Amino acid sequence: MSEDLLRAAEGRMAKSVEAFHRELATIRTGRANPSLIEHVLVEAYDSHVPINQVASISAPDPHMIVIQPWDRNTIQAIERALQRGEMGLNPSNDGQLIRVPVPPLNEERRKEFVRMVKQRAEDARVAIRNVRRDDMEQLRRLEHDAEISEDQSQRAQAQLQKITDRFVEQIEEVARRKEAELLEV
């Protein structure tokens, strides 16, 4: 019973770490990377769709992202969506391709992005701790209802804490790498 609970907790914590990875991919580091813009929503075909569903995105060099729309009619919509974004990008199109120069980050912007990374890391740690709290309560309920013994509950709680510590450390490591990448000039 407690093993199933621990496996489920581990799965939910892993999903929190994956979500954190995806969030960090959207924070630009001064290097062109398709993941920076692939989730920008474009108004196309009477709905809002991610840019990666209406075009192919590549980064031929460290300071340029190239977007090739599958339908030329979406070029203007893609360009507008990128200009509206919060990343300060200035796309230009030649009728077939959209080129997005990625300027180097200034010191102020780097620090702003580092603060953003720290905030998102804290949010991810809180999500993991919430999983731990919910499962600790469930273990205590199982113990109270005499479905597991006190020893089993204590062992499971200790294992749950180790799992939590492992995932929190993963988040901290990923955040440290992203911060180093941001501060690298």
N, C-alpha and C. Protein backbone atom coordinates (compact mmCIF):
# COMPACT_ATOMS: atom_id res chain seq x y z
N MET A 1 0.83 -1.19 0.00
CA MET A 1 0.00 0.00 0.00
C MET A 1 0.88 1.25 0.00
N SER A 2 1.85 1.34 0.93
CA SER A 2 2.69 2.53 1.01
C SER A 2 3.65 2.61 -0.19
N GLU A 3 4.02 1.44 -0.76
CA GLU A 3 4.90 1.44 -1.94
C GLU A 3 4.20 2.10 -3.13
N ASP A 4 2.90 1.80 -3.29
CA ASP A 4 2.13 2.41 -4.37
C ASP A 4 2.07 3.93 -4.19
N LEU A 5 1.87 4.33 -2.95
CA LEU A 5 1.80 5.75 -2.63
C LEU A 5 3.13 6.44 -2.97
N LEU A 6 4.25 5.79 -2.62
CA LEU A 6 5.56 6.36 -2.90
C LEU A 6 5.83 6.44 -4.40
N ARG A 7 5.43 5.40 -5.14
CA ARG A 7 5.61 5.41 -6.60
C ARG A 7 4.80 6.54 -7.23
N ALA A 8 3.57 6.71 -6.77
CA ALA A 8 2.71 7.77 -7.30
C ALA A 8 3.31 9.15 -6.97
N ALA A 9 3.82 9.30 -5.75
CA ALA A 9 4.43 10.57 -5.35
C ALA A 9 5.65 10.86 -6.22
N GLU A 10 6.45 9.84 -6.46
CA GLU A 10 7.64 10.01 -7.29
C GLU A 10 7.26 10.44 -8.70
N GLY A 11 6.20 9.84 -9.23
CA GLY A 11 5.73 10.22 -10.57
C GLY A 11 5.26 11.66 -10.62
N ARG A 12 4.52 12.09 -9.60
CA ARG A 12 4.04 13.48 -9.57
C ARG A 12 5.19 14.47 -9.41
N MET A 13 6.19 14.08 -8.60
CA MET A 13 7.35 14.96 -8.43
C MET A 13 8.15 15.05 -9.73
N ALA A 14 8.27 13.93 -10.43
CA ALA A 14 8.99 13.93 -11.71
C ALA A 14 8.28 14.85 -12.71
N LYS A 15 6.96 14.85 -12.69
CA LYS A 15 6.21 15.74 -13.59
C LYS A 15 6.46 17.20 -13.24
N SER A 16 6.61 17.51 -11.97
CA SER A 16 6.91 18.89 -11.56
C SER A 16 8.28 19.31 -12.09
N VAL A 17 9.25 18.39 -12.03
CA VAL A 17 10.59 18.70 -12.53
C VAL A 17 10.54 18.90 -14.05
N GLU A 18 9.79 18.05 -14.76
CA GLU A 18 9.65 18.20 -16.21
C GLU A 18 9.02 19.55 -16.56
N ALA A 19 8.00 19.93 -15.82
CA ALA A 19 7.34 21.22 -16.07
C ALA A 19 8.33 22.37 -15.84
N PHE A 20 9.16 22.23 -14.83
CA PHE A 20 10.18 23.24 -14.54
C PHE A 20 11.17 23.34 -15.71
N HIS A 21 11.59 22.19 -16.24
CA HIS A 21 12.48 22.18 -17.41
C HIS A 21 11.84 22.93 -18.58
N ARG A 22 10.57 22.64 -18.83
CA ARG A 22 9.87 23.30 -19.95
C ARG A 22 9.78 24.81 -19.73
N GLU A 23 9.51 25.22 -18.50
CA GLU A 23 9.43 26.66 -18.20
C GLU A 23 10.78 27.34 -18.44
N LEU A 24 11.86 26.68 -18.00
CA LEU A 24 13.17 27.29 -18.17
C LEU A 24 13.57 27.39 -19.63
N ALA A 25 13.08 26.48 -20.45
CA ALA A 25 13.41 26.51 -21.88
C ALA A 25 12.88 27.78 -22.54
N THR A 26 11.86 28.39 -21.95
CA THR A 26 11.28 29.59 -22.55
C THR A 26 12.02 30.87 -22.12
N ILE A 27 12.97 30.75 -21.21
CA ILE A 27 13.73 31.92 -20.77
C ILE A 27 14.97 32.03 -21.65
N ARG A 28 15.09 33.14 -22.34
CA ARG A 28 16.19 33.23 -23.30
C ARG A 28 17.50 33.54 -22.62
N THR A 29 18.58 33.03 -23.20
CA THR A 29 19.90 33.16 -22.59
C THR A 29 20.86 33.98 -23.43
N GLY A 30 20.39 34.56 -24.52
CA GLY A 30 21.29 35.29 -25.40
C GLY A 30 21.70 34.44 -26.59
N ARG A 31 21.46 33.15 -26.51
CA ARG A 31 21.71 32.24 -27.62
C ARG A 31 20.39 31.88 -28.25
N ALA A 32 20.38 31.82 -29.56
CA ALA A 32 19.15 31.44 -30.27
C ALA A 32 18.85 29.98 -29.99
N ASN A 33 17.59 29.70 -29.68
CA ASN A 33 17.16 28.34 -29.40
C ASN A 33 15.69 28.25 -29.79
N PRO A 34 15.32 27.29 -30.65
CA PRO A 34 13.92 27.19 -31.08
C PRO A 34 12.93 27.09 -29.92
N SER A 35 13.34 26.50 -28.80
CA SER A 35 12.40 26.35 -27.68
C SER A 35 11.99 27.69 -27.08
N LEU A 36 12.75 28.75 -27.39
CA LEU A 36 12.39 30.08 -26.89
C LEU A 36 11.02 30.52 -27.39
N ILE A 37 10.69 30.14 -28.61
CA ILE A 37 9.47 30.68 -29.22
C ILE A 37 8.46 29.62 -29.61
N GLU A 38 8.78 28.35 -29.44
CA GLU A 38 7.88 27.32 -29.98
C GLU A 38 6.50 27.29 -29.33
N HIS A 39 6.36 27.91 -28.16
CA HIS A 39 5.06 27.89 -27.49
C HIS A 39 4.32 29.23 -27.60
N VAL A 40 4.88 30.16 -28.38
CA VAL A 40 4.19 31.44 -28.62
C VAL A 40 2.90 31.13 -29.38
N LEU A 41 1.79 31.69 -28.91
CA LEU A 41 0.50 31.42 -29.56
C LEU A 41 0.28 32.35 -30.74
N VAL A 42 -0.09 31.75 -31.86
CA VAL A 42 -0.33 32.47 -33.11
C VAL A 42 -1.81 32.38 -33.43
N GLU A 43 -2.38 33.49 -33.86
CA GLU A 43 -3.78 33.49 -34.27
C GLU A 43 -3.84 33.01 -35.72
N ALA A 44 -4.22 31.75 -35.90
CA ALA A 44 -4.27 31.16 -37.24
C ALA A 44 -5.42 30.17 -37.30
N TYR A 45 -6.05 30.11 -38.44
CA TYR A 45 -7.13 29.15 -38.67
C TYR A 45 -8.24 29.29 -37.62
N ASP A 46 -8.60 30.51 -37.30
CA ASP A 46 -9.69 30.84 -36.37
C ASP A 46 -9.46 30.34 -34.95
N SER A 47 -8.21 30.18 -34.55
CA SER A 47 -7.92 29.81 -33.17
C SER A 47 -6.48 30.22 -32.84
N HIS A 48 -6.11 30.05 -31.59
CA HIS A 48 -4.75 30.33 -31.16
C HIS A 48 -4.01 29.01 -31.07
N VAL A 49 -2.93 28.89 -31.83
CA VAL A 49 -2.15 27.64 -31.84
C VAL A 49 -0.68 27.98 -31.59
N PRO A 50 0.07 27.05 -30.98
CA PRO A 50 1.50 27.28 -30.79
C PRO A 50 2.20 27.40 -32.14
N ILE A 51 3.22 28.23 -32.16
CA ILE A 51 3.93 28.50 -33.41
C ILE A 51 4.51 27.23 -34.03
N ASN A 52 4.90 26.27 -33.18
CA ASN A 52 5.50 25.05 -33.72
C ASN A 52 4.48 24.15 -34.41
N GLN A 53 3.20 24.52 -34.38
CA GLN A 53 2.18 23.75 -35.09
C GLN A 53 1.82 24.38 -36.43
N VAL A 54 2.39 25.55 -36.73
CA VAL A 54 2.12 26.18 -38.02
C VAL A 54 3.40 26.45 -38.81
N ALA A 55 4.56 26.11 -38.22
CA ALA A 55 5.83 26.40 -38.90
C ALA A 55 6.94 25.53 -38.34
N SER A 56 8.01 25.40 -39.12
CA SER A 56 9.20 24.73 -38.59
C SER A 56 10.14 25.83 -38.09
N ILE A 57 10.81 25.54 -36.99
CA ILE A 57 11.66 26.52 -36.33
C ILE A 57 13.07 25.96 -36.25
N SER A 58 14.06 26.76 -36.62
CA SER A 58 15.45 26.31 -36.52
C SER A 58 16.33 27.47 -36.06
N ALA A 59 17.51 27.13 -35.59
CA ALA A 59 18.48 28.14 -35.17
C ALA A 59 19.78 27.87 -35.92
N PRO A 60 19.94 28.44 -37.11
CA PRO A 60 21.13 28.15 -37.92
C PRO A 60 22.42 28.69 -37.31
N ASP A 61 22.33 29.73 -36.50
CA ASP A 61 23.52 30.22 -35.80
C ASP A 61 23.10 30.74 -34.41
N PRO A 62 24.07 31.04 -33.55
CA PRO A 62 23.74 31.40 -32.16
C PRO A 62 22.92 32.67 -31.97
N HIS A 63 22.80 33.48 -33.03
CA HIS A 63 22.08 34.75 -32.86
C HIS A 63 20.91 34.91 -33.82
N MET A 64 20.41 33.80 -34.37
CA MET A 64 19.32 33.90 -35.34
C MET A 64 18.40 32.68 -35.23
N ILE A 65 17.11 32.96 -35.19
CA ILE A 65 16.10 31.90 -35.28
C ILE A 65 15.39 32.10 -36.61
N VAL A 66 15.21 31.01 -37.34
CA VAL A 66 14.52 31.08 -38.63
C VAL A 66 13.23 30.28 -38.53
N ILE A 67 12.14 30.91 -38.95
CA ILE A 67 10.83 30.27 -38.91
C ILE A 67 10.34 30.13 -40.34
N GLN A 68 10.01 28.91 -40.72
CA GLN A 68 9.48 28.67 -42.06
C GLN A 68 8.03 28.20 -41.92
N PRO A 69 7.07 29.11 -42.16
CA PRO A 69 5.65 28.74 -42.05
C PRO A 69 5.28 27.72 -43.13
N TRP A 70 4.41 26.80 -42.76
CA TRP A 70 3.96 25.80 -43.73
C TRP A 70 2.92 26.41 -44.67
N ASP A 71 2.29 27.47 -44.21
CA ASP A 71 1.29 28.17 -45.02
C ASP A 71 1.68 29.65 -45.04
N ARG A 72 1.94 30.19 -46.21
CA ARG A 72 2.39 31.59 -46.31
C ARG A 72 1.38 32.57 -45.72
N ASN A 73 0.13 32.19 -45.67
CA ASN A 73 -0.90 33.08 -45.14
C ASN A 73 -0.73 33.34 -43.64
N THR A 74 0.08 32.55 -42.96
CA THR A 74 0.27 32.72 -41.52
C THR A 74 1.47 33.60 -41.18
N ILE A 75 2.23 34.03 -42.18
CA ILE A 75 3.44 34.81 -41.92
C ILE A 75 3.15 36.06 -41.08
N GLN A 76 2.15 36.84 -41.48
CA GLN A 76 1.83 38.07 -40.75
C GLN A 76 1.41 37.77 -39.31
N ALA A 77 0.61 36.74 -39.13
CA ALA A 77 0.13 36.38 -37.79
C ALA A 77 1.30 35.96 -36.90
N ILE A 78 2.24 35.19 -37.46
CA ILE A 78 3.41 34.75 -36.69
C ILE A 78 4.24 35.96 -36.30
N GLU A 79 4.45 36.85 -37.24
CA GLU A 79 5.25 38.04 -36.97
C GLU A 79 4.61 38.89 -35.88
N ARG A 80 3.30 39.09 -35.95
CA ARG A 80 2.58 39.87 -34.92
C ARG A 80 2.70 39.20 -33.55
N ALA A 81 2.55 37.88 -33.51
CA ALA A 81 2.63 37.16 -32.24
C ALA A 81 4.01 37.32 -31.61
N LEU A 82 5.05 37.28 -32.41
CA LEU A 82 6.41 37.43 -31.88
C LEU A 82 6.65 38.86 -31.38
N GLN A 83 6.11 39.84 -32.08
CA GLN A 83 6.28 41.23 -31.66
C GLN A 83 5.53 41.51 -30.36
N ARG A 84 4.40 40.84 -30.16
CA ARG A 84 3.61 41.02 -28.93
C ARG A 84 4.26 40.34 -27.74
N GLY A 85 5.12 39.37 -27.97
CA GLY A 85 5.73 38.59 -26.88
C GLY A 85 6.55 39.45 -25.95
N GLU A 86 6.92 38.89 -24.82
CA GLU A 86 7.65 39.61 -23.77
C GLU A 86 9.17 39.49 -23.92
N MET A 87 9.64 38.87 -25.00
CA MET A 87 11.07 38.60 -25.10
C MET A 87 11.85 39.70 -25.79
N GLY A 88 11.18 40.72 -26.28
CA GLY A 88 11.88 41.82 -26.92
C GLY A 88 12.50 41.43 -28.25
N LEU A 89 11.84 40.56 -28.99
CA LEU A 89 12.36 40.11 -30.28
C LEU A 89 11.78 40.97 -31.40
N ASN A 90 12.55 41.14 -32.46
CA ASN A 90 12.12 41.98 -33.58
C ASN A 90 12.20 41.17 -34.88
N PRO A 91 11.14 40.43 -35.21
CA PRO A 91 11.18 39.57 -36.40
C PRO A 91 11.09 40.37 -37.70
N SER A 92 11.65 39.78 -38.76
CA SER A 92 11.50 40.37 -40.09
C SER A 92 11.20 39.23 -41.06
N ASN A 93 10.37 39.52 -42.08
CA ASN A 93 10.05 38.45 -43.01
C ASN A 93 10.37 38.87 -44.43
N ASP A 94 10.66 37.87 -45.26
CA ASP A 94 10.96 38.14 -46.67
C ASP A 94 9.89 37.56 -47.58
N GLY A 95 8.74 37.24 -47.01
CA GLY A 95 7.65 36.67 -47.79
C GLY A 95 7.58 35.15 -47.71
N GLN A 96 8.70 34.52 -47.37
CA GLN A 96 8.72 33.06 -47.23
C GLN A 96 9.21 32.62 -45.86
N LEU A 97 10.20 33.32 -45.34
CA LEU A 97 10.80 33.00 -44.05
C LEU A 97 10.65 34.18 -43.10
N ILE A 98 10.65 33.86 -41.82
CA ILE A 98 10.71 34.91 -40.81
C ILE A 98 12.03 34.73 -40.08
N ARG A 99 12.83 35.78 -40.08
CA ARG A 99 14.11 35.73 -39.37
C ARG A 99 13.95 36.52 -38.07
N VAL A 100 14.41 35.91 -36.99
CA VAL A 100 14.31 36.56 -35.68
C VAL A 100 15.71 36.68 -35.10
N PRO A 101 16.32 37.87 -35.20
CA PRO A 101 17.64 38.03 -34.58
C PRO A 101 17.49 38.01 -33.06
N VAL A 102 18.39 37.30 -32.41
CA VAL A 102 18.37 37.22 -30.95
C VAL A 102 19.56 38.04 -30.44
N PRO A 103 19.30 39.27 -30.00
CA PRO A 103 20.41 40.13 -29.57
C PRO A 103 20.99 39.62 -28.25
N PRO A 104 22.26 39.92 -28.01
CA PRO A 104 22.84 39.53 -26.72
C PRO A 104 22.11 40.26 -25.59
N LEU A 105 22.06 39.62 -24.45
CA LEU A 105 21.36 40.22 -23.30
C LEU A 105 22.24 41.26 -22.63
N ASN A 106 21.63 42.36 -22.19
CA ASN A 106 22.39 43.32 -21.39
C ASN A 106 22.37 42.85 -19.93
N GLU A 107 23.20 43.47 -19.12
CA GLU A 107 23.37 43.03 -17.73
C GLU A 107 22.06 43.09 -16.94
N GLU A 108 21.30 44.16 -17.15
CA GLU A 108 20.04 44.32 -16.42
C GLU A 108 19.05 43.21 -16.77
N ARG A 109 18.96 42.89 -18.06
CA ARG A 109 18.04 41.85 -18.52
C ARG A 109 18.48 40.48 -17.99
N ARG A 110 19.80 40.25 -17.96
CA ARG A 110 20.32 38.98 -17.42
C ARG A 110 19.89 38.80 -15.97
N LYS A 111 20.05 39.87 -15.19
CA LYS A 111 19.68 39.79 -13.77
C LYS A 111 18.18 39.57 -13.61
N GLU A 112 17.40 40.20 -14.48
CA GLU A 112 15.95 40.01 -14.45
C GLU A 112 15.60 38.54 -14.73
N PHE A 113 16.27 37.95 -15.71
CA PHE A 113 16.02 36.54 -16.04
C PHE A 113 16.49 35.62 -14.92
N VAL A 114 17.60 35.97 -14.26
CA VAL A 114 18.08 35.16 -13.12
C VAL A 114 17.03 35.18 -12.01
N ARG A 115 16.45 36.36 -11.74
CA ARG A 115 15.39 36.45 -10.73
C ARG A 115 14.20 35.57 -11.13
N MET A 116 13.88 35.58 -12.43
CA MET A 116 12.77 34.76 -12.92
C MET A 116 13.07 33.27 -12.72
N VAL A 117 14.31 32.86 -12.99
CA VAL A 117 14.71 31.46 -12.79
C VAL A 117 14.57 31.08 -11.32
N LYS A 118 15.03 31.96 -10.44
CA LYS A 118 14.94 31.68 -9.00
C LYS A 118 13.49 31.55 -8.55
N GLN A 119 12.62 32.42 -9.07
CA GLN A 119 11.21 32.36 -8.70
C GLN A 119 10.57 31.06 -9.19
N ARG A 120 10.87 30.70 -10.43
CA ARG A 120 10.29 29.47 -10.98
C ARG A 120 10.85 28.24 -10.27
N ALA A 121 12.11 28.29 -9.85
CA ALA A 121 12.69 27.18 -9.09
C ALA A 121 11.96 27.05 -7.75
N GLU A 122 11.70 28.18 -7.10
CA GLU A 122 10.98 28.15 -5.83
C GLU A 122 9.57 27.59 -6.03
N ASP A 123 8.90 28.00 -7.10
CA ASP A 123 7.56 27.47 -7.39
C ASP A 123 7.60 25.95 -7.58
N ALA A 124 8.64 25.46 -8.27
CA ALA A 124 8.77 24.02 -8.50
C ALA A 124 9.04 23.29 -7.18
N ARG A 125 9.89 23.88 -6.32
CA ARG A 125 10.16 23.26 -5.02
C ARG A 125 8.88 23.19 -4.19
N VAL A 126 8.08 24.26 -4.23
CA VAL A 126 6.82 24.28 -3.49
C VAL A 126 5.89 23.19 -4.01
N ALA A 127 5.84 23.01 -5.33
CA ALA A 127 4.98 21.96 -5.91
C ALA A 127 5.41 20.58 -5.40
N ILE A 128 6.72 20.36 -5.33
CA ILE A 128 7.22 19.07 -4.85
C ILE A 128 6.90 18.90 -3.36
N ARG A 129 7.07 19.95 -2.60
CA ARG A 129 6.75 19.86 -1.16
C ARG A 129 5.26 19.65 -0.93
N ASN A 130 4.43 20.20 -1.81
CA ASN A 130 2.99 19.97 -1.69
C ASN A 130 2.65 18.50 -1.92
N VAL A 131 3.34 17.88 -2.88
CA VAL A 131 3.14 16.44 -3.11
C VAL A 131 3.54 15.68 -1.84
N ARG A 132 4.69 16.05 -1.27
CA ARG A 132 5.15 15.39 -0.04
C ARG A 132 4.13 15.57 1.09
N ARG A 133 3.65 16.80 1.27
CA ARG A 133 2.69 17.06 2.35
C ARG A 133 1.43 16.23 2.19
N ASP A 134 0.89 16.19 0.96
CA ASP A 134 -0.33 15.42 0.70
C ASP A 134 -0.12 13.94 1.01
N ASP A 135 1.03 13.42 0.58
CA ASP A 135 1.29 12.00 0.80
C ASP A 135 1.61 11.69 2.27
N MET A 136 2.25 12.62 2.96
CA MET A 136 2.49 12.43 4.40
C MET A 136 1.15 12.34 5.14
N GLU A 137 0.23 13.23 4.77
CA GLU A 137 -1.10 13.19 5.39
C GLU A 137 -1.80 11.88 5.10
N GLN A 138 -1.66 11.41 3.87
CA GLN A 138 -2.29 10.15 3.50
C GLN A 138 -1.67 8.98 4.29
N LEU A 139 -0.36 9.00 4.47
CA LEU A 139 0.29 7.95 5.27
C LEU A 139 -0.20 7.99 6.72
N ARG A 140 -0.33 9.18 7.27
CA ARG A 140 -0.82 9.29 8.65
C ARG A 140 -2.26 8.78 8.77
N ARG A 141 -3.08 9.07 7.73
CA ARG A 141 -4.46 8.56 7.73
C ARG A 141 -4.47 7.04 7.69
N LEU A 142 -3.62 6.48 6.82
CA LEU A 142 -3.55 5.01 6.73
C LEU A 142 -3.13 4.41 8.06
N GLU A 143 -2.17 5.06 8.72
CA GLU A 143 -1.72 4.58 10.03
C GLU A 143 -2.85 4.73 11.05
N HIS A 144 -3.54 5.85 11.04
CA HIS A 144 -4.63 6.09 11.98
C HIS A 144 -5.76 5.08 11.78
N ASP A 145 -6.04 4.73 10.51
CA ASP A 145 -7.09 3.76 10.21
C ASP A 145 -6.62 2.32 10.35
N ALA A 146 -5.39 2.14 10.83
CA ALA A 146 -4.79 0.81 11.08
C ALA A 146 -4.63 -0.01 9.81
N GLU A 147 -4.47 0.66 8.66
CA GLU A 147 -4.21 -0.07 7.41
C GLU A 147 -2.73 -0.38 7.26
N ILE A 148 -1.88 0.45 7.89
CA ILE A 148 -0.45 0.15 7.95
C ILE A 148 0.01 0.39 9.39
N SER A 149 1.12 -0.26 9.76
CA SER A 149 1.62 -0.11 11.13
C SER A 149 2.39 1.22 11.27
N GLU A 150 2.67 1.56 12.51
CA GLU A 150 3.41 2.79 12.77
C GLU A 150 4.81 2.71 12.16
N ASP A 151 5.44 1.53 12.27
CA ASP A 151 6.77 1.33 11.68
C ASP A 151 6.74 1.51 10.16
N GLN A 152 5.73 0.91 9.52
CA GLN A 152 5.61 1.05 8.07
C GLN A 152 5.42 2.52 7.69
N SER A 153 4.60 3.21 8.46
CA SER A 153 4.35 4.62 8.19
C SER A 153 5.63 5.44 8.33
N GLN A 154 6.39 5.18 9.40
CA GLN A 154 7.64 5.91 9.62
C GLN A 154 8.65 5.64 8.50
N ARG A 155 8.76 4.36 8.09
CA ARG A 155 9.67 4.01 6.99
C ARG A 155 9.25 4.70 5.70
N ALA A 156 7.96 4.67 5.41
CA ALA A 156 7.45 5.28 4.18
C ALA A 156 7.67 6.80 4.22
N GLN A 157 7.47 7.41 5.38
CA GLN A 157 7.68 8.86 5.49
C GLN A 157 9.16 9.21 5.28
N ALA A 158 10.05 8.37 5.81
CA ALA A 158 11.49 8.59 5.61
C ALA A 158 11.85 8.45 4.13
N GLN A 159 11.29 7.43 3.47
CA GLN A 159 11.54 7.25 2.04
C GLN A 159 10.99 8.43 1.24
N LEU A 160 9.81 8.88 1.61
CA LEU A 160 9.19 10.01 0.93
C LEU A 160 10.06 11.26 1.07
N GLN A 161 10.65 11.44 2.24
CA GLN A 161 11.53 12.59 2.45
C GLN A 161 12.78 12.48 1.57
N LYS A 162 13.33 11.26 1.44
CA LYS A 162 14.51 11.06 0.58
C LYS A 162 14.17 11.35 -0.88
N ILE A 163 13.00 10.90 -1.32
CA ILE A 163 12.56 11.15 -2.70
C ILE A 163 12.41 12.66 -2.91
N THR A 164 11.78 13.32 -1.93
CA THR A 164 11.59 14.78 -2.01
C THR A 164 12.93 15.48 -2.11
N ASP A 165 13.88 15.11 -1.26
CA ASP A 165 15.20 15.73 -1.27
C ASP A 165 15.89 15.55 -2.62
N ARG A 166 15.74 14.35 -3.20
CA ARG A 166 16.36 14.07 -4.50
C ARG A 166 15.80 14.99 -5.59
N PHE A 167 14.47 15.15 -5.62
CA PHE A 167 13.86 15.99 -6.64
C PHE A 167 14.14 17.48 -6.42
N VAL A 168 14.18 17.91 -5.17
CA VAL A 168 14.51 19.31 -4.87
C VAL A 168 15.95 19.59 -5.32
N GLU A 169 16.84 18.64 -5.10
CA GLU A 169 18.24 18.79 -5.53
C GLU A 169 18.32 18.88 -7.05
N GLN A 170 17.51 18.08 -7.76
CA GLN A 170 17.49 18.16 -9.23
C GLN A 170 17.07 19.56 -9.68
N ILE A 171 16.05 20.10 -9.05
CA ILE A 171 15.58 21.44 -9.40
C ILE A 171 16.68 22.47 -9.14
N GLU A 172 17.34 22.36 -8.01
CA GLU A 172 18.40 23.31 -7.68
C GLU A 172 19.55 23.22 -8.67
N GLU A 173 19.90 22.00 -9.10
CA GLU A 173 20.98 21.81 -10.06
C GLU A 173 20.61 22.43 -11.42
N VAL A 174 19.40 22.18 -11.88
CA VAL A 174 18.94 22.74 -13.16
C VAL A 174 18.93 24.27 -13.07
N ALA A 175 18.46 24.81 -11.96
CA ALA A 175 18.41 26.27 -11.79
C ALA A 175 19.83 26.85 -11.77
N ARG A 176 20.77 26.17 -11.10
CA ARG A 176 22.16 26.65 -11.07
C ARG A 176 22.75 26.70 -12.48
N ARG A 177 22.50 25.63 -13.26
CA ARG A 177 23.02 25.59 -14.64
C ARG A 177 22.43 26.72 -15.48
N LYS A 178 21.12 26.95 -15.34
CA LYS A 178 20.47 28.00 -16.13
C LYS A 178 20.99 29.37 -15.72
N GLU A 179 21.20 29.59 -14.42
CA GLU A 179 21.74 30.87 -13.96
C GLU A 179 23.14 31.09 -14.52
N ALA A 180 23.97 30.05 -14.49
CA ALA A 180 25.33 30.16 -15.03
C ALA A 180 25.28 30.47 -16.52
N GLU A 181 24.36 29.84 -17.22
CA GLU A 181 24.19 30.08 -18.66
C GLU A 181 23.76 31.53 -18.91
N LEU A 182 22.87 32.03 -18.07
CA LEU A 182 22.40 33.41 -18.22
C LEU A 182 23.51 34.43 -17.94
N LEU A 183 24.33 34.16 -16.95
CA LEU A 183 25.35 35.12 -16.54
C LEU A 183 26.60 35.03 -17.40
N GLU A 184 26.69 33.99 -18.22
CA GLU A 184 27.83 33.82 -19.12
C GLU A 184 27.74 34.87 -20.23
N VAL A 185 28.81 35.63 -20.40
CA VAL A 185 28.78 36.71 -21.40
C VAL A 185 29.44 36.27 -22.69
